[in-house]
Amino acid sequence: MSDCLHCDINELVGKRLERDGADLAEVAALIAESLADLILLAPADDQAKLMADAIGNLGHAYLEKSGEIEAGETSRH
């Protein structure tokens, strides 16, 4: 494991995708389930905001990585 959780997660996902018959939709569903588990660790009063923040971050990261917007100061890689 490195000091970069983002990198570690991407490495694990990459290894899963290298397997024969890897299904992108299934892997995405598993990642979404893990995110739901993480959100549920937050206090109940904070869960809705955390979910909204996570969805917003997903959209922003997608737009940056797809080149639709320029990477900002908050970009991790």
PDB file of N, CA and C in Angstrom:
ATOM      1  N   MET A   1       0.849  -1.180   0.000  1.00  0.00           N
ATOM      2  CA  MET A   1       0.000   0.000   0.000  1.00  0.00           C
ATOM      3  C   MET A   1       0.894   1.242   0.000  1.00  0.00           C
ATOM      4  N   SER A   2       0.440   2.241  -0.728  1.00  0.00           N
ATOM      5  CA  SER A   2       1.183   3.493  -0.795  1.00  0.00           C
ATOM      6  C   SER A   2       0.526   4.523   0.117  1.00  0.00           C
ATOM      7  N   ASP A   3       1.021   5.730   0.056  1.00  0.00           N
ATOM      8  CA  ASP A   3       0.417   6.822   0.822  1.00  0.00           C
ATOM      9  C   ASP A   3      -0.759   7.433   0.075  1.00  0.00           C
ATOM     10  N   CYS A   4      -1.030   6.961  -1.137  1.00  0.00           N
ATOM     11  CA  CYS A   4      -2.087   7.515  -1.984  1.00  0.00           C
ATOM     12  C   CYS A   4      -3.237   6.513  -2.097  1.00  0.00           C
ATOM     13  N   LEU A   5      -4.307   6.757  -1.366  1.00  0.00           N
ATOM     14  CA  LEU A   5      -5.455   5.853  -1.390  1.00  0.00           C
ATOM     15  C   LEU A   5      -6.033   5.755  -2.799  1.00  0.00           C
ATOM     16  N   HIS A   6      -6.113   6.877  -3.499  1.00  0.00           N
ATOM     17  CA  HIS A   6      -6.612   6.922  -4.877  1.00  0.00           C
ATOM     18  C   HIS A   6      -5.813   5.968  -5.764  1.00  0.00           C
ATOM     19  N   CYS A   7      -4.498   6.018  -5.647  1.00  0.00           N
ATOM     20  CA  CYS A   7      -3.629   5.150  -6.449  1.00  0.00           C
ATOM     21  C   CYS A   7      -3.817   3.687  -6.068  1.00  0.00           C
ATOM     22  N   ASP A   8      -3.930   3.408  -4.781  1.00  0.00           N
ATOM     23  CA  ASP A   8      -4.121   2.032  -4.318  1.00  0.00           C
ATOM     24  C   ASP A   8      -5.443   1.462  -4.837  1.00  0.00           C
ATOM     25  N   ILE A   9      -6.492   2.255  -4.774  1.00  0.00           N
ATOM     26  CA  ILE A   9      -7.795   1.797  -5.270  1.00  0.00           C
ATOM     27  C   ILE A   9      -7.716   1.527  -6.763  1.00  0.00           C
ATOM     28  N   ASN A  10      -7.108   2.449  -7.515  1.00  0.00           N
ATOM     29  CA  ASN A  10      -6.995   2.257  -8.963  1.00  0.00           C
ATOM     30  C   ASN A  10      -6.170   1.020  -9.304  1.00  0.00           C
ATOM     31  N   GLU A  11      -5.151   0.728  -8.509  1.00  0.00           N
ATOM     32  CA  GLU A  11      -4.344  -0.472  -8.740  1.00  0.00           C
ATOM     33  C   GLU A  11      -5.194  -1.730  -8.529  1.00  0.00           C
ATOM     34  N   LEU A  12      -5.977  -1.759  -7.454  1.00  0.00           N
ATOM     35  CA  LEU A  12      -6.852  -2.910  -7.195  1.00  0.00           C
ATOM     36  C   LEU A  12      -7.884  -3.080  -8.303  1.00  0.00           C
ATOM     37  N   VAL A  13      -8.471  -1.987  -8.732  1.00  0.00           N
ATOM     38  CA  VAL A  13      -9.475  -2.043  -9.804  1.00  0.00           C
ATOM     39  C   VAL A  13      -8.816  -2.519 -11.099  1.00  0.00           C
ATOM     40  N   GLY A  14      -7.629  -1.995 -11.384  1.00  0.00           N
ATOM     41  CA  GLY A  14      -6.913  -2.413 -12.588  1.00  0.00           C
ATOM     42  C   GLY A  14      -6.648  -3.903 -12.607  1.00  0.00           C
ATOM     43  N   LYS A  15      -6.260  -4.454 -11.467  1.00  0.00           N
ATOM     44  CA  LYS A  15      -6.014  -5.900 -11.377  1.00  0.00           C
ATOM     45  C   LYS A  15      -7.300  -6.680 -11.633  1.00  0.00           C
ATOM     46  N   ARG A  16      -8.420  -6.186 -11.115  1.00  0.00           N
ATOM     47  CA  ARG A  16      -9.709  -6.859 -11.334  1.00  0.00           C
ATOM     48  C   ARG A  16     -10.072  -6.829 -12.817  1.00  0.00           C
ATOM     49  N   LEU A  17      -9.809  -5.695 -13.471  1.00  0.00           N
ATOM     50  CA  LEU A  17     -10.165  -5.551 -14.884  1.00  0.00           C
ATOM     51  C   LEU A  17      -9.271  -6.377 -15.801  1.00  0.00           C
ATOM     52  N   GLU A  18      -8.085  -6.757 -15.329  1.00  0.00           N
ATOM     53  CA  GLU A  18      -7.177  -7.578 -16.135  1.00  0.00           C
ATOM     54  C   GLU A  18      -7.636  -9.026 -16.231  1.00  0.00           C
ATOM     55  N   ARG A  19      -8.531  -9.430 -15.371  1.00  0.00           N
ATOM     56  CA  ARG A  19      -9.030 -10.808 -15.393  1.00  0.00           C
ATOM     57  C   ARG A  19      -9.855 -11.049 -16.655  1.00  0.00           C
ATOM     58  N   ASP A  20      -9.837 -12.279 -17.119  1.00  0.00           N
ATOM     59  CA  ASP A  20     -10.660 -12.644 -18.280  1.00  0.00           C
ATOM     60  C   ASP A  20     -12.131 -12.440 -17.941  1.00  0.00           C
ATOM     61  N   GLY A  21     -12.853 -11.864 -18.861  1.00  0.00           N
ATOM     62  CA  GLY A  21     -14.283 -11.681 -18.681  1.00  0.00           C
ATOM     63  C   GLY A  21     -14.658 -10.576 -17.715  1.00  0.00           C
ATOM     64  N   ALA A  22     -13.733  -9.676 -17.415  1.00  0.00           N
ATOM     65  CA  ALA A  22     -14.038  -8.573 -16.505  1.00  0.00           C
ATOM     66  C   ALA A  22     -15.185  -7.737 -17.076  1.00  0.00           C
ATOM     67  N   ASP A  23     -16.123  -7.382 -16.229  1.00  0.00           N
ATOM     68  CA  ASP A  23     -17.313  -6.637 -16.628  1.00  0.00           C
ATOM     69  C   ASP A  23     -17.244  -5.250 -15.985  1.00  0.00           C
ATOM     70  N   LEU A  24     -17.067  -4.216 -16.822  1.00  0.00           N
ATOM     71  CA  LEU A  24     -16.953  -2.848 -16.294  1.00  0.00           C
ATOM     72  C   LEU A  24     -18.167  -2.455 -15.455  1.00  0.00           C
ATOM     73  N   ALA A  25     -19.358  -2.835 -15.900  1.00  0.00           N
ATOM     74  CA  ALA A  25     -20.569  -2.484 -15.156  1.00  0.00           C
ATOM     75  C   ALA A  25     -20.581  -3.136 -13.783  1.00  0.00           C
ATOM     76  N   GLU A  26     -20.145  -4.381 -13.715  1.00  0.00           N
ATOM     77  CA  GLU A  26     -20.104  -5.082 -12.429  1.00  0.00           C
ATOM     78  C   GLU A  26     -19.083  -4.438 -11.492  1.00  0.00           C
ATOM     79  N   VAL A  27     -17.915  -4.092 -12.033  1.00  0.00           N
ATOM     80  CA  VAL A  27     -16.893  -3.447 -11.208  1.00  0.00           C
ATOM     81  C   VAL A  27     -17.391  -2.090 -10.720  1.00  0.00           C
ATOM     82  N   ALA A  28     -18.033  -1.330 -11.592  1.00  0.00           N
ATOM     83  CA  ALA A  28     -18.587  -0.026 -11.191  1.00  0.00           C
ATOM     84  C   ALA A  28     -19.642  -0.202 -10.091  1.00  0.00           C
ATOM     85  N   ALA A  29     -20.462  -1.239 -10.205  1.00  0.00           N
ATOM     86  CA  ALA A  29     -21.476  -1.509  -9.181  1.00  0.00           C
ATOM     87  C   ALA A  29     -20.831  -1.850  -7.842  1.00  0.00           C
ATOM     88  N   LEU A  30     -19.751  -2.622  -7.871  1.00  0.00           N
ATOM     89  CA  LEU A  30     -19.046  -2.965  -6.630  1.00  0.00           C
ATOM     90  C   LEU A  30     -18.424  -1.722  -5.988  1.00  0.00           C
ATOM     91  N   ILE A  31     -17.870  -0.843  -6.811  1.00  0.00           N
ATOM     92  CA  ILE A  31     -17.295   0.396  -6.295  1.00  0.00           C
ATOM     93  C   ILE A  31     -18.395   1.261  -5.686  1.00  0.00           C
ATOM     94  N   ALA A  32     -19.551   1.328  -6.352  1.00  0.00           N
ATOM     95  CA  ALA A  32     -20.677   2.106  -5.825  1.00  0.00           C
ATOM     96  C   ALA A  32     -21.148   1.538  -4.486  1.00  0.00           C
ATOM     97  N   GLU A  33     -21.173   0.220  -4.376  1.00  0.00           N
ATOM     98  CA  GLU A  33     -21.569  -0.414  -3.115  1.00  0.00           C
ATOM     99  C   GLU A  33     -20.586  -0.069  -2.001  1.00  0.00           C
ATOM    100  N   SER A  34     -19.299  -0.052  -2.325  1.00  0.00           N
ATOM    101  CA  SER A  34     -18.287   0.319  -1.334  1.00  0.00           C
ATOM    102  C   SER A  34     -18.449   1.769  -0.908  1.00  0.00           C
ATOM    103  N   LEU A  35     -18.774   2.638  -1.852  1.00  0.00           N
ATOM    104  CA  LEU A  35     -19.004   4.041  -1.510  1.00  0.00           C
ATOM    105  C   LEU A  35     -20.224   4.176  -0.600  1.00  0.00           C
ATOM    106  N   ALA A  36     -21.272   3.419  -0.874  1.00  0.00           N
ATOM    107  CA  ALA A  36     -22.452   3.436  -0.004  1.00  0.00           C
ATOM    108  C   ALA A  36     -22.083   2.981   1.411  1.00  0.00           C
ATOM    109  N   ASP A  37     -21.262   1.937   1.516  1.00  0.00           N
ATOM    110  CA  ASP A  37     -20.807   1.471   2.829  1.00  0.00           C
ATOM    111  C   ASP A  37     -20.040   2.577   3.554  1.00  0.00           C
ATOM    112  N   LEU A  38     -19.193   3.293   2.829  1.00  0.00           N
ATOM    113  CA  LEU A  38     -18.431   4.386   3.423  1.00  0.00           C
ATOM    114  C   LEU A  38     -19.354   5.492   3.918  1.00  0.00           C
ATOM    115  N   ILE A  39     -20.323   5.862   3.099  1.00  0.00           N
ATOM    116  CA  ILE A  39     -21.270   6.922   3.481  1.00  0.00           C
ATOM    117  C   ILE A  39     -22.034   6.529   4.741  1.00  0.00           C
ATOM    118  N   LEU A  40     -22.372   5.259   4.847  1.00  0.00           N
ATOM    119  CA  LEU A  40     -23.115   4.789   6.023  1.00  0.00           C
ATOM    120  C   LEU A  40     -22.286   4.806   7.303  1.00  0.00           C
ATOM    121  N   LEU A  41     -20.973   4.960   7.189  1.00  0.00           N
ATOM    122  CA  LEU A  41     -20.131   5.091   8.379  1.00  0.00           C
ATOM    123  C   LEU A  41     -20.259   6.469   9.021  1.00  0.00           C
ATOM    124  N   ALA A  42     -20.717   7.442   8.244  1.00  0.00           N
ATOM    125  CA  ALA A  42     -20.883   8.807   8.761  1.00  0.00           C
ATOM    126  C   ALA A  42     -22.106   8.858   9.676  1.00  0.00           C
ATOM    127  N   PRO A  43     -22.129   9.829  10.587  1.00  0.00           N
ATOM    128  CA  PRO A  43     -23.334  10.004  11.394  1.00  0.00           C
ATOM    129  C   PRO A  43     -24.555  10.207  10.485  1.00  0.00           C
ATOM    130  N   ALA A  44     -25.703   9.709  10.909  1.00  0.00           N
ATOM    131  CA  ALA A  44     -26.917   9.758  10.086  1.00  0.00           C
ATOM    132  C   ALA A  44     -27.225  11.159   9.576  1.00  0.00           C
ATOM    133  N   ASP A  45     -26.999  12.163  10.399  1.00  0.00           N
ATOM    134  CA  ASP A  45     -27.300  13.538   9.996  1.00  0.00           C
ATOM    135  C   ASP A  45     -26.370  14.061   8.906  1.00  0.00           C
ATOM    136  N   ASP A  46     -25.234  13.420   8.712  1.00  0.00           N
ATOM    137  CA  ASP A  46     -24.255  13.863   7.716  1.00  0.00           C
ATOM    138  C   ASP A  46     -24.293  13.053   6.420  1.00  0.00           C
ATOM    139  N   GLN A  47     -25.034  11.960   6.406  1.00  0.00           N
ATOM    140  CA  GLN A  47     -24.986  11.042   5.270  1.00  0.00           C
ATOM    141  C   GLN A  47     -25.489  11.656   3.972  1.00  0.00           C
ATOM    142  N   ALA A  48     -26.575  12.407   4.007  1.00  0.00           N
ATOM    143  CA  ALA A  48     -27.113  12.999   2.775  1.00  0.00           C
ATOM    144  C   ALA A  48     -26.126  13.986   2.170  1.00  0.00           C
ATOM    145  N   LYS A  49     -25.507  14.821   3.000  1.00  0.00           N
ATOM    146  CA  LYS A  49     -24.525  15.782   2.484  1.00  0.00           C
ATOM    147  C   LYS A  49     -23.306  15.056   1.943  1.00  0.00           C
ATOM    148  N   LEU A  50     -22.853  14.015   2.631  1.00  0.00           N
ATOM    149  CA  LEU A  50     -21.702  13.247   2.164  1.00  0.00           C
ATOM    150  C   LEU A  50     -21.999  12.591   0.818  1.00  0.00           C
ATOM    151  N   MET A  51     -23.225  12.057   0.656  1.00  0.00           N
ATOM    152  CA  MET A  51     -23.598  11.455  -0.618  1.00  0.00           C
ATOM    153  C   MET A  51     -23.622  12.519  -1.721  1.00  0.00           C
ATOM    154  N   ALA A  52     -24.185  13.670  -1.432  1.00  0.00           N
ATOM    155  CA  ALA A  52     -24.220  14.746  -2.418  1.00  0.00           C
ATOM    156  C   ALA A  52     -22.809  15.197  -2.790  1.00  0.00           C
ATOM    157  N   ASP A  53     -21.936  15.314  -1.803  1.00  0.00           N
ATOM    158  CA  ASP A  53     -20.543  15.686  -2.078  1.00  0.00           C
ATOM    159  C   ASP A  53     -19.855  14.635  -2.939  1.00  0.00           C
ATOM    160  N   ALA A  54     -20.094  13.359  -2.639  1.00  0.00           N
ATOM    161  CA  ALA A  54     -19.476  12.275  -3.402  1.00  0.00           C
ATOM    162  C   ALA A  54     -19.944  12.307  -4.861  1.00  0.00           C
ATOM    163  N   ILE A  55     -21.230  12.514  -5.073  1.00  0.00           N
ATOM    164  CA  ILE A  55     -21.761  12.570  -6.436  1.00  0.00           C
ATOM    165  C   ILE A  55     -21.198  13.789  -7.171  1.00  0.00           C
ATOM    166  N   GLY A  56     -21.118  14.919  -6.466  1.00  0.00           N
ATOM    167  CA  GLY A  56     -20.539  16.119  -7.069  1.00  0.00           C
ATOM    168  C   GLY A  56     -19.080  15.918  -7.436  1.00  0.00           C
ATOM    169  N   ASN A  57     -18.325  15.276  -6.550  1.00  0.00           N
ATOM    170  CA  ASN A  57     -16.913  14.992  -6.833  1.00  0.00           C
ATOM    171  C   ASN A  57     -16.763  14.025  -8.003  1.00  0.00           C
ATOM    172  N   LEU A  58     -17.647  13.043  -8.098  1.00  0.00           N
ATOM    173  CA  LEU A  58     -17.617  12.113  -9.221  1.00  0.00           C
ATOM    174  C   LEU A  58     -17.817  12.860 -10.534  1.00  0.00           C
ATOM    175  N   GLY A  59     -18.816  13.711 -10.573  1.00  0.00           N
ATOM    176  CA  GLY A  59     -19.085  14.480 -11.790  1.00  0.00           C
ATOM    177  C   GLY A  59     -17.927  15.376 -12.158  1.00  0.00           C
ATOM    178  N   HIS A  60     -17.372  16.055 -11.178  1.00  0.00           N
ATOM    179  CA  HIS A  60     -16.254  16.969 -11.425  1.00  0.00           C
ATOM    180  C   HIS A  60     -15.021  16.199 -11.909  1.00  0.00           C
ATOM    181  N   ALA A  61     -14.709  15.084 -11.264  1.00  0.00           N
ATOM    182  CA  ALA A  61     -13.563  14.277 -11.676  1.00  0.00           C
ATOM    183  C   ALA A  61     -13.752  13.753 -13.095  1.00  0.00           C
ATOM    184  N   TYR A  62     -14.965  13.329 -13.419  1.00  0.00           N
ATOM    185  CA  TYR A  62     -15.243  12.845 -14.767  1.00  0.00           C
ATOM    186  C   TYR A  62     -15.012  13.953 -15.795  1.00  0.00           C
ATOM    187  N   LEU A  63     -15.521  15.144 -15.523  1.00  0.00           N
ATOM    188  CA  LEU A  63     -15.352  16.250 -16.459  1.00  0.00           C
ATOM    189  C   LEU A  63     -13.883  16.617 -16.627  1.00  0.00           C
ATOM    190  N   GLU A  64     -13.113  16.607 -15.528  1.00  0.00           N
ATOM    191  CA  GLU A  64     -11.677  16.895 -15.622  1.00  0.00           C
ATOM    192  C   GLU A  64     -10.950  15.829 -16.439  1.00  0.00           C
ATOM    193  N   LYS A  65     -11.187  14.580 -16.104  1.00  0.00           N
ATOM    194  CA  LYS A  65     -10.446  13.489 -16.738  1.00  0.00           C
ATOM    195  C   LYS A  65     -10.846  13.278 -18.194  1.00  0.00           C
ATOM    196  N   SER A  66     -12.078  13.666 -18.548  1.00  0.00           N
ATOM    197  CA  SER A  66     -12.517  13.542 -19.938  1.00  0.00           C
ATOM    198  C   SER A  66     -12.090  14.747 -20.773  1.00  0.00           C
ATOM    199  N   GLY A  67     -11.508  15.754 -20.108  1.00  0.00           N
ATOM    200  CA  GLY A  67     -11.028  16.932 -20.817  1.00  0.00           C
ATOM    201  C   GLY A  67     -12.090  17.985 -21.069  1.00  0.00           C
ATOM    202  N   GLU A  68     -13.268  17.811 -20.511  1.00  0.00           N
ATOM    203  CA  GLU A  68     -14.334  18.789 -20.701  1.00  0.00           C
ATOM    204  C   GLU A  68     -14.070  20.085 -19.938  1.00  0.00           C
ATOM    205  N   ILE A  69     -13.359  19.984 -18.814  1.00  0.00           N
ATOM    206  CA  ILE A  69     -12.953  21.163 -18.050  1.00  0.00           C
ATOM    207  C   ILE A  69     -11.487  20.994 -17.672  1.00  0.00           C
ATOM    208  N   GLU A  70     -10.832  22.105 -17.381  1.00  0.00           N
ATOM    209  CA  GLU A  70      -9.430  22.042 -16.977  1.00  0.00           C
ATOM    210  C   GLU A  70      -9.328  21.548 -15.538  1.00  0.00           C
ATOM    211  N   ALA A  71      -8.252  20.808 -15.277  1.00  0.00           N
ATOM    212  CA  ALA A  71      -8.009  20.319 -13.922  1.00  0.00           C
ATOM    213  C   ALA A  71      -7.743  21.500 -13.015  1.00  0.00           C
ATOM    214  N   GLY A  72      -8.369  21.494 -11.861  1.00  0.00           N
ATOM    215  CA  GLY A  72      -8.206  22.578 -10.902  1.00  0.00           C
ATOM    216  C   GLY A  72      -7.190  22.238  -9.838  1.00  0.00           C
ATOM    217  N   GLU A  73      -7.080  23.109  -8.870  1.00  0.00           N
ATOM    218  CA  GLU A  73      -6.128  22.910  -7.770  1.00  0.00           C
ATOM    219  C   GLU A  73      -6.498  21.709  -6.913  1.00  0.00           C
ATOM    220  N   THR A  74      -7.763  21.295  -6.913  1.00  0.00           N
ATOM    221  CA  THR A  74      -8.191  20.177  -6.093  1.00  0.00           C
ATOM    222  C   THR A  74      -7.957  18.830  -6.775  1.00  0.00           C
ATOM    223  N   SER A  75      -7.524  18.853  -8.021  1.00  0.00           N
ATOM    224  CA  SER A  75      -7.283  17.597  -8.730  1.00  0.00           C
ATOM    225  C   SER A  75      -6.158  16.824  -8.049  1.00  0.00           C
ATOM    226  N   ARG A  76      -6.364  15.517  -7.852  1.00  0.00           N
ATOM    227  CA  ARG A  76      -5.381  14.706  -7.153  1.00  0.00           C
ATOM    228  C   ARG A  76      -4.285  14.215  -8.086  1.00  0.00           C
ATOM    229  N   HIS A  77      -4.640  13.940  -9.350  1.00  0.00           N
ATOM    230  CA  HIS A  77      -3.655  13.466 -10.334  1.00  0.00           C
ATOM    231  C   HIS A  77      -4.055  13.935 -11.702  1.00  0.00           C
TER     232      HIS A  77
END
